[in-house]
Structure formats: structure tokens, C-alpha cells
Amino acid sequence: MTLRHTLIALPLVLLAACGPAKKAEAPPEAASKGPVTVAIAPYAGGPLKIGKDGVGPINASTAFDLATLKALFPKAKVDSAFLHFSEGPAQPIITIEQDSVPLAEIGKTDEGEIAYVRVAAGDARGPKDERLLAKWADLGFTVDQCRAGEGREVNAVVCVRPEAPTVSYVFGVPGWTQGGVPPEATLKAKGQLNELIWRPAEGAAVGSA
């Protein structure tokens, strides 16, 4: 090969050695990570909030499962039990107790999901920060937002706020055994908030069982 041919071929060899430019690779963190799991903070203590979306760390996606509820209430005593009421078969429930105070009773649907969460003791707070033992007269309900209790709530009055249809307020009315909803004057004089019940599926609309 002559010197002239060598000088022409050299740039071609250098270009071939370089090859095509590589595309910049995306950093690992830019790759798709799939669905993001959001952790729910467990209940450690203090006020237990009952709102339209759930009770404390319990929401509509929480399983009726002892291990799950123990993880959500790590400082509490969480046990399986059976509820015996009326002449029907015993119903499975899960009870939660912390610092010797019963926090909640959790019922089960036929499909194995949470049917309700009943709170009747402790520092419970309703959707508007209502507390147990509050007077009916102080919570801003009207009589048409209430119905007569049935079953376990017989002789009680169950009220529901339109903005929180999944939460039932169960008022005791001492001395009232006549059935139906007491007159407004009686509710104002004697009605006292004894329980808050959250139902994730069917809601707690006035008139429901």
C-alpha cells in the first residue's frame, strides 16, 4: 500500500473503531416501579377518630383478620370472640382493648369482610370531633336525621349526618321505652351519645337496619 492509500484509509479505520454512539441509559430510579403501596400509620394511643372513611387506621380495604388488626393496633389486646345476640347463631367478632379500655368491636359480613366497627368507650371522636356522652341537644341534629333503634339498639335513637353517611350516632334516652323516635323535647332533655358505629359498605343511612 502506498503512503497515499495509507493516509486515506487511516480515518476510515478510526471511524469504524468508534462505532455508533450509545444512547444514554436511564438511571435505575427512573424506571417504572409499579404500584406504590402507602403505609397506614398504626394506632399508638390518644383520641380514636371515627370518620366517614374509617376508624383510626381501619378503612374500607382493611381485612377482617386478626394479624392485620394486631399490626394496626400494636399496643392493644386484639382478640377473636363470638357475639351472642337474640336467637340467631353466634357471630364472629374481633375486639380491641388498650390500657384496659375497650376501643372497638369489629363485626364480619357473610363475605368475610368488615361489616362494622362499633366504638362505645374511651376517647373516641366523631366526624365533627364529637365525644361519647355528649348531649343530643349539643350536636346539631334534627329529628328527621334520626330513627328508632332496632336489634341491639332497641330503645335507642340512631342519627346520621348527611355529610358522613357511614357513621351512626347511637343515643341513649333514659326512660324511653315506647318505641319510635322520642319528641324533640325529650331528645334535648335526655339524649346522650353512647356509641359511634362505622359501616364501610352499606353505609348508615337513616332508616337502615
C-alpha atoms as a PDB file:
ATOM      1  CA  MET A   1       0.000   0.000   0.000  1.00  0.00           C
ATOM      2  CA  THR A   2       1.368   3.400  -0.952  1.00  0.00           C
ATOM      3  CA  LEU A   3       1.704   6.238   1.512  1.00  0.00           C
ATOM      4  CA  ARG A   4      -1.240   7.990  -0.148  1.00  0.00           C
ATOM      5  CA  HIS A   5      -3.511   4.942   0.303  1.00  0.00           C
ATOM      6  CA  THR A   6      -2.437   4.626   3.938  1.00  0.00           C
ATOM      7  CA  LEU A   7      -3.324   8.238   4.711  1.00  0.00           C
ATOM      8  CA  ILE A   8      -6.815   7.788   3.153  1.00  0.00           C
ATOM      9  CA  ALA A   9      -7.553   4.519   4.992  1.00  0.00           C
ATOM     10  CA  LEU A  10      -6.499   5.726   8.443  1.00  0.00           C
ATOM     11  CA  PRO A  11      -9.564   7.991   9.089  1.00  0.00           C
ATOM     12  CA  LEU A  12     -11.863   5.155   7.989  1.00  0.00           C
ATOM     13  CA  VAL A  13     -10.281   2.764  10.495  1.00  0.00           C
ATOM     14  CA  LEU A  14     -10.632   5.329  13.285  1.00  0.00           C
ATOM     15  CA  LEU A  15     -14.341   5.896  12.468  1.00  0.00           C
ATOM     16  CA  ALA A  16     -15.051   2.175  12.430  1.00  0.00           C
ATOM     17  CA  ALA A  17     -13.367   1.775  15.805  1.00  0.00           C
ATOM     18  CA  CYS A  18     -15.558   4.446  17.347  1.00  0.00           C
ATOM     19  CA  GLY A  19     -18.791   2.786  16.126  1.00  0.00           C
ATOM     20  CA  PRO A  20     -22.273   4.277  16.560  1.00  0.00           C
ATOM     21  CA  ALA A  21     -22.858   6.451  19.626  1.00  0.00           C
ATOM     22  CA  LYS A  22     -24.602   4.624  22.508  1.00  0.00           C
ATOM     23  CA  LYS A  23     -27.872   6.000  23.791  1.00  0.00           C
ATOM     24  CA  ALA A  24     -27.755   7.291  27.355  1.00  0.00           C
ATOM     25  CA  GLU A  25     -29.324   4.769  29.718  1.00  0.00           C
ATOM     26  CA  ALA A  26     -31.989   5.959  32.124  1.00  0.00           C
ATOM     27  CA  PRO A  27     -30.902   5.864  35.733  1.00  0.00           C
ATOM     28  CA  PRO A  28     -32.398   2.968  37.727  1.00  0.00           C
ATOM     29  CA  GLU A  29     -34.635   5.265  39.721  1.00  0.00           C
ATOM     30  CA  ALA A  30     -36.314   6.496  36.551  1.00  0.00           C
ATOM     31  CA  ALA A  31     -37.501   3.008  35.637  1.00  0.00           C
ATOM     32  CA  SER A  32     -41.087   2.074  36.260  1.00  0.00           C
ATOM     33  CA  LYS A  33     -41.635   0.991  39.836  1.00  0.00           C
ATOM     34  CA  GLY A  34     -45.197  -0.296  39.510  1.00  0.00           C
ATOM     35  CA  PRO A  35     -47.961   0.464  42.029  1.00  0.00           C
ATOM     36  CA  VAL A  36     -46.934   2.387  45.116  1.00  0.00           C
ATOM     37  CA  THR A  37     -48.033   0.947  48.469  1.00  0.00           C
ATOM     38  CA  VAL A  38     -48.901   3.618  51.004  1.00  0.00           C
ATOM     39  CA  ALA A  39     -48.303   2.526  54.581  1.00  0.00           C
ATOM     40  CA  ILE A  40     -51.017   3.229  57.148  1.00  0.00           C
ATOM     41  CA  ALA A  41     -49.791   4.558  60.460  1.00  0.00           C
ATOM     42  CA  PRO A  42     -50.836   2.218  63.273  1.00  0.00           C
ATOM     43  CA  TYR A  43     -52.799   3.491  66.256  1.00  0.00           C
ATOM     44  CA  ALA A  44     -50.464   4.240  69.158  1.00  0.00           C
ATOM     45  CA  GLY A  45     -52.865   5.956  71.530  1.00  0.00           C
ATOM     46  CA  GLY A  46     -54.812   9.137  72.121  1.00  0.00           C
ATOM     47  CA  PRO A  47     -58.140  10.071  70.508  1.00  0.00           C
ATOM     48  CA  LEU A  48     -59.589   7.416  68.194  1.00  0.00           C
ATOM     49  CA  LYS A  49     -61.111   9.207  65.210  1.00  0.00           C
ATOM     50  CA  ILE A  50     -64.293   7.868  63.618  1.00  0.00           C
ATOM     51  CA  GLY A  51     -64.906   9.491  60.221  1.00  0.00           C
ATOM     52  CA  LYS A  52     -66.736   8.720  57.016  1.00  0.00           C
ATOM     53  CA  ASP A  53     -63.695   6.838  55.661  1.00  0.00           C
ATOM     54  CA  GLY A  54     -62.892   4.694  58.672  1.00  0.00           C
ATOM     55  CA  VAL A  55     -61.952   4.295  62.318  1.00  0.00           C
ATOM     56  CA  GLY A  56     -58.372   5.202  63.171  1.00  0.00           C
ATOM     57  CA  PRO A  57     -56.174   3.068  60.869  1.00  0.00           C
ATOM     58  CA  ILE A  58     -59.148   0.931  59.754  1.00  0.00           C
ATOM     59  CA  ASN A  59     -60.637   1.754  56.355  1.00  0.00           C
ATOM     60  CA  ALA A  60     -62.761   0.059  53.709  1.00  0.00           C
ATOM     61  CA  SER A  61     -59.826  -2.013  52.426  1.00  0.00           C
ATOM     62  CA  THR A  62     -58.872  -3.420  55.839  1.00  0.00           C
ATOM     63  CA  ALA A  63     -59.342  -7.171  56.105  1.00  0.00           C
ATOM     64  CA  PHE A  64     -61.311  -8.838  58.900  1.00  0.00           C
ATOM     65  CA  ASP A  65     -58.148 -10.556  60.039  1.00  0.00           C
ATOM     66  CA  LEU A  66     -56.597 -10.895  63.484  1.00  0.00           C
ATOM     67  CA  ALA A  67     -52.996 -10.474  62.296  1.00  0.00           C
ATOM     68  CA  THR A  68     -53.873  -7.376  60.237  1.00  0.00           C
ATOM     69  CA  LEU A  69     -55.657  -5.695  63.130  1.00  0.00           C
ATOM     70  CA  LYS A  70     -52.861  -6.564  65.549  1.00  0.00           C
ATOM     71  CA  ALA A  71     -50.457  -4.793  63.200  1.00  0.00           C
ATOM     72  CA  LEU A  72     -52.736  -1.739  63.065  1.00  0.00           C
ATOM     73  CA  PHE A  73     -53.110  -1.666  66.868  1.00  0.00           C
ATOM     74  CA  PRO A  74     -49.676  -2.889  68.046  1.00  0.00           C
ATOM     75  CA  LYS A  75     -50.096  -1.731  71.655  1.00  0.00           C
ATOM     76  CA  ALA A  76     -53.585  -3.161  72.079  1.00  0.00           C
ATOM     77  CA  LYS A  77     -55.001  -6.523  73.066  1.00  0.00           C
ATOM     78  CA  VAL A  78     -56.696  -7.825  69.902  1.00  0.00           C
ATOM     79  CA  ASP A  79     -58.774 -10.999  70.274  1.00  0.00           C
ATOM     80  CA  SER A  80     -61.265 -13.117  68.378  1.00  0.00           C
ATOM     81  CA  ALA A  81     -64.632 -13.662  70.052  1.00  0.00           C
ATOM     82  CA  PHE A  82     -68.256 -14.501  69.329  1.00  0.00           C
ATOM     83  CA  LEU A  83     -71.266 -12.255  69.787  1.00  0.00           C
ATOM     84  CA  HIS A  84     -74.394 -13.944  71.129  1.00  0.00           C
ATOM     85  CA  PHE A  85     -77.457 -11.841  70.440  1.00  0.00           C
ATOM     86  CA  SER A  86     -81.130 -12.828  70.159  1.00  0.00           C
ATOM     87  CA  GLU A  87     -81.888 -16.341  68.937  1.00  0.00           C
ATOM     88  CA  GLY A  88     -79.593 -16.361  65.916  1.00  0.00           C
ATOM     89  CA  PRO A  89     -76.239 -18.121  65.669  1.00  0.00           C
ATOM     90  CA  ALA A  90     -73.217 -16.620  67.381  1.00  0.00           C
ATOM     91  CA  GLN A  91     -71.459 -14.085  65.182  1.00  0.00           C
ATOM     92  CA  PRO A  92     -67.634 -13.865  64.938  1.00  0.00           C
ATOM     93  CA  ILE A  93     -66.199 -10.544  66.067  1.00  0.00           C
ATOM     94  CA  ILE A  94     -62.786  -9.078  66.848  1.00  0.00           C
ATOM     95  CA  THR A  95     -62.353  -6.979  69.971  1.00  0.00           C
ATOM     96  CA  ILE A  96     -59.673  -4.348  70.561  1.00  0.00           C
ATOM     97  CA  GLU A  97     -58.713  -3.215  74.040  1.00  0.00           C
ATOM     98  CA  GLN A  98     -55.904  -0.868  75.065  1.00  0.00           C
ATOM     99  CA  ASP A  99     -54.896   0.291  78.539  1.00  0.00           C
ATOM    100  CA  SER A 100     -57.840  -1.706  79.949  1.00  0.00           C
ATOM    101  CA  VAL A 101     -60.276   0.315  77.822  1.00  0.00           C
ATOM    102  CA  PRO A 102     -62.380  -1.415  75.109  1.00  0.00           C
ATOM    103  CA  LEU A 103     -61.555   0.511  71.948  1.00  0.00           C
ATOM    104  CA  ALA A 104     -63.693  -1.226  69.353  1.00  0.00           C
ATOM    105  CA  GLU A 105     -65.800  -4.210  68.397  1.00  0.00           C
ATOM    106  CA  ILE A 106     -65.491  -5.294  64.758  1.00  0.00           C
ATOM    107  CA  GLY A 107     -68.138  -7.391  63.037  1.00  0.00           C
ATOM    108  CA  LYS A 108     -67.894  -9.601  59.967  1.00  0.00           C
ATOM    109  CA  THR A 109     -70.022  -9.821  56.811  1.00  0.00           C
ATOM    110  CA  ASP A 110     -71.094 -13.096  55.197  1.00  0.00           C
ATOM    111  CA  GLU A 111     -68.381 -12.442  52.603  1.00  0.00           C
ATOM    112  CA  GLY A 112     -65.692 -12.303  55.305  1.00  0.00           C
ATOM    113  CA  GLU A 113     -65.158  -8.539  55.230  1.00  0.00           C
ATOM    114  CA  ILE A 114     -65.553  -5.928  57.945  1.00  0.00           C
ATOM    115  CA  ALA A 115     -69.261  -5.259  58.479  1.00  0.00           C
ATOM    116  CA  TYR A 116     -68.978  -2.557  61.127  1.00  0.00           C
ATOM    117  CA  VAL A 117     -66.723  -1.031  63.760  1.00  0.00           C
ATOM    118  CA  ARG A 118     -68.541  -0.193  66.988  1.00  0.00           C
ATOM    119  CA  VAL A 119     -66.918   2.240  69.461  1.00  0.00           C
ATOM    120  CA  ALA A 120     -68.550   2.678  72.857  1.00  0.00           C
ATOM    121  CA  ALA A 121     -65.746   3.645  75.247  1.00  0.00           C
ATOM    122  CA  GLY A 122     -62.533   5.588  75.519  1.00  0.00           C
ATOM    123  CA  ASP A 123     -61.529   8.849  73.897  1.00  0.00           C
ATOM    124  CA  ALA A 124     -63.494   8.401  70.674  1.00  0.00           C
ATOM    125  CA  ARG A 125     -64.097  11.359  68.351  1.00  0.00           C
ATOM    126  CA  GLY A 126     -66.786  11.573  65.694  1.00  0.00           C
ATOM    127  CA  PRO A 127     -66.548  13.245  62.270  1.00  0.00           C
ATOM    128  CA  LYS A 128     -67.018  16.664  63.874  1.00  0.00           C
ATOM    129  CA  ASP A 129     -64.894  15.809  66.903  1.00  0.00           C
ATOM    130  CA  GLU A 130     -67.975  14.771  68.877  1.00  0.00           C
ATOM    131  CA  ARG A 131     -67.239  12.813  72.064  1.00  0.00           C
ATOM    132  CA  LEU A 132     -69.084   9.974  73.716  1.00  0.00           C
ATOM    133  CA  LEU A 133     -71.580  11.071  76.389  1.00  0.00           C
ATOM    134  CA  ALA A 134     -72.237  14.320  74.523  1.00  0.00           C
ATOM    135  CA  LYS A 135     -75.816  15.558  74.697  1.00  0.00           C
ATOM    136  CA  TRP A 136     -78.088  15.253  71.660  1.00  0.00           C
ATOM    137  CA  ALA A 137     -79.023  18.902  72.118  1.00  0.00           C
ATOM    138  CA  ASP A 138     -75.386  19.964  71.671  1.00  0.00           C
ATOM    139  CA  LEU A 139     -74.604  18.095  68.440  1.00  0.00           C
ATOM    140  CA  GLY A 140     -76.835  19.921  65.988  1.00  0.00           C
ATOM    141  CA  PHE A 141     -79.057  17.056  64.837  1.00  0.00           C
ATOM    142  CA  THR A 142     -82.644  17.431  63.744  1.00  0.00           C
ATOM    143  CA  VAL A 143     -85.306  14.817  64.438  1.00  0.00           C
ATOM    144  CA  ASP A 144     -85.606  13.934  60.737  1.00  0.00           C
ATOM    145  CA  GLN A 145     -81.938  12.828  60.774  1.00  0.00           C
ATOM    146  CA  CYS A 146     -82.770  10.151  63.337  1.00  0.00           C
ATOM    147  CA  ARG A 147     -84.626   6.843  63.537  1.00  0.00           C
ATOM    148  CA  ALA A 148     -85.661   4.427  66.246  1.00  0.00           C
ATOM    149  CA  GLY A 149     -83.028   1.855  67.077  1.00  0.00           C
ATOM    150  CA  GLU A 150     -83.577  -1.826  66.318  1.00  0.00           C
ATOM    151  CA  GLY A 151     -81.957  -5.043  67.460  1.00  0.00           C
ATOM    152  CA  ARG A 152     -79.007  -4.177  69.684  1.00  0.00           C
ATOM    153  CA  GLU A 153     -80.044  -0.521  69.551  1.00  0.00           C
ATOM    154  CA  VAL A 154     -83.640  -1.092  70.673  1.00  0.00           C
ATOM    155  CA  ASN A 155     -84.990   1.848  72.705  1.00  0.00           C
ATOM    156  CA  ALA A 156     -82.057   3.940  71.488  1.00  0.00           C
ATOM    157  CA  VAL A 157     -82.114   6.613  68.790  1.00  0.00           C
ATOM    158  CA  VAL A 158     -79.774   6.363  65.792  1.00  0.00           C
ATOM    159  CA  CYS A 159     -78.837   9.566  63.968  1.00  0.00           C
ATOM    160  CA  VAL A 160     -76.755  10.167  60.825  1.00  0.00           C
ATOM    161  CA  ARG A 161     -75.250  13.310  59.363  1.00  0.00           C
ATOM    162  CA  PRO A 162     -75.745  13.703  55.578  1.00  0.00           C
ATOM    163  CA  GLU A 163     -72.048  14.508  55.099  1.00  0.00           C
ATOM    164  CA  ALA A 164     -70.963  11.308  56.912  1.00  0.00           C
ATOM    165  CA  PRO A 165     -73.498   8.635  55.875  1.00  0.00           C
ATOM    166  CA  THR A 166     -71.294   5.740  57.023  1.00  0.00           C
ATOM    167  CA  VAL A 167     -71.283   6.832  60.673  1.00  0.00           C
ATOM    168  CA  SER A 168     -74.184   6.125  63.039  1.00  0.00           C
ATOM    169  CA  TYR A 169     -74.567   8.068  66.278  1.00  0.00           C
ATOM    170  CA  VAL A 170     -76.373   5.912  68.849  1.00  0.00           C
ATOM    171  CA  PHE A 171     -78.104   7.956  71.555  1.00  0.00           C
ATOM    172  CA  GLY A 172     -79.481   6.527  74.739  1.00  0.00           C
ATOM    173  CA  VAL A 173     -82.678   8.123  76.028  1.00  0.00           C
ATOM    174  CA  PRO A 174     -83.148   7.065  79.656  1.00  0.00           C
ATOM    175  CA  GLY A 175     -86.727   6.092  80.440  1.00  0.00           C
ATOM    176  CA  TRP A 176     -87.859   5.955  76.796  1.00  0.00           C
ATOM    177  CA  THR A 177     -89.392   2.527  76.032  1.00  0.00           C
ATOM    178  CA  GLN A 178     -92.387   3.480  73.881  1.00  0.00           C
ATOM    179  CA  GLY A 179     -90.759   2.767  70.525  1.00  0.00           C
ATOM    180  CA  GLY A 180     -90.244   5.191  67.692  1.00  0.00           C
ATOM    181  CA  VAL A 181     -88.273   8.410  67.909  1.00  0.00           C
ATOM    182  CA  PRO A 182     -88.945  10.452  71.048  1.00  0.00           C
ATOM    183  CA  PRO A 183     -90.233  14.010  70.727  1.00  0.00           C
ATOM    184  CA  GLU A 184     -87.563  16.636  70.154  1.00  0.00           C
ATOM    185  CA  ALA A 185     -88.034  17.983  73.680  1.00  0.00           C
ATOM    186  CA  THR A 186     -87.273  14.549  75.148  1.00  0.00           C
ATOM    187  CA  LEU A 187     -84.183  14.127  72.965  1.00  0.00           C
ATOM    188  CA  LYS A 188     -82.901  17.518  74.018  1.00  0.00           C
ATOM    189  CA  ALA A 189     -83.516  16.783  77.685  1.00  0.00           C
ATOM    190  CA  LYS A 190     -82.227  13.188  77.872  1.00  0.00           C
ATOM    191  CA  GLY A 191     -80.439  12.119  74.675  1.00  0.00           C
ATOM    192  CA  GLN A 192     -76.808  11.103  75.270  1.00  0.00           C
ATOM    193  CA  LEU A 193     -74.269   9.769  72.753  1.00  0.00           C
ATOM    194  CA  ASN A 194     -73.423   6.212  73.822  1.00  0.00           C
ATOM    195  CA  GLU A 195     -71.855   4.701  70.673  1.00  0.00           C
ATOM    196  CA  LEU A 196     -70.428   5.537  67.269  1.00  0.00           C
ATOM    197  CA  ILE A 197     -70.709   2.865  64.572  1.00  0.00           C
ATOM    198  CA  TRP A 198     -68.917   2.934  61.215  1.00  0.00           C
ATOM    199  CA  ARG A 199     -70.107   0.744  58.355  1.00  0.00           C
ATOM    200  CA  PRO A 200     -67.798   0.665  55.310  1.00  0.00           C
ATOM    201  CA  ALA A 201     -70.092  -0.877  52.727  1.00  0.00           C
ATOM    202  CA  GLU A 202     -73.794  -0.271  53.029  1.00  0.00           C
ATOM    203  CA  GLY A 203     -73.427   2.970  54.965  1.00  0.00           C
ATOM    204  CA  ALA A 204     -75.562   4.071  57.856  1.00  0.00           C
ATOM    205  CA  ALA A 205     -78.332   5.971  56.134  1.00  0.00           C
ATOM    206  CA  VAL A 206     -81.360   6.867  58.218  1.00  0.00           C
ATOM    207  CA  GLY A 207     -83.840   4.014  58.005  1.00  0.00           C
ATOM    208  CA  SER A 208     -81.256   1.269  57.518  1.00  0.00           C
ATOM    209  CA  ALA A 209     -81.168  -1.675  59.881  1.00  0.00           C
END
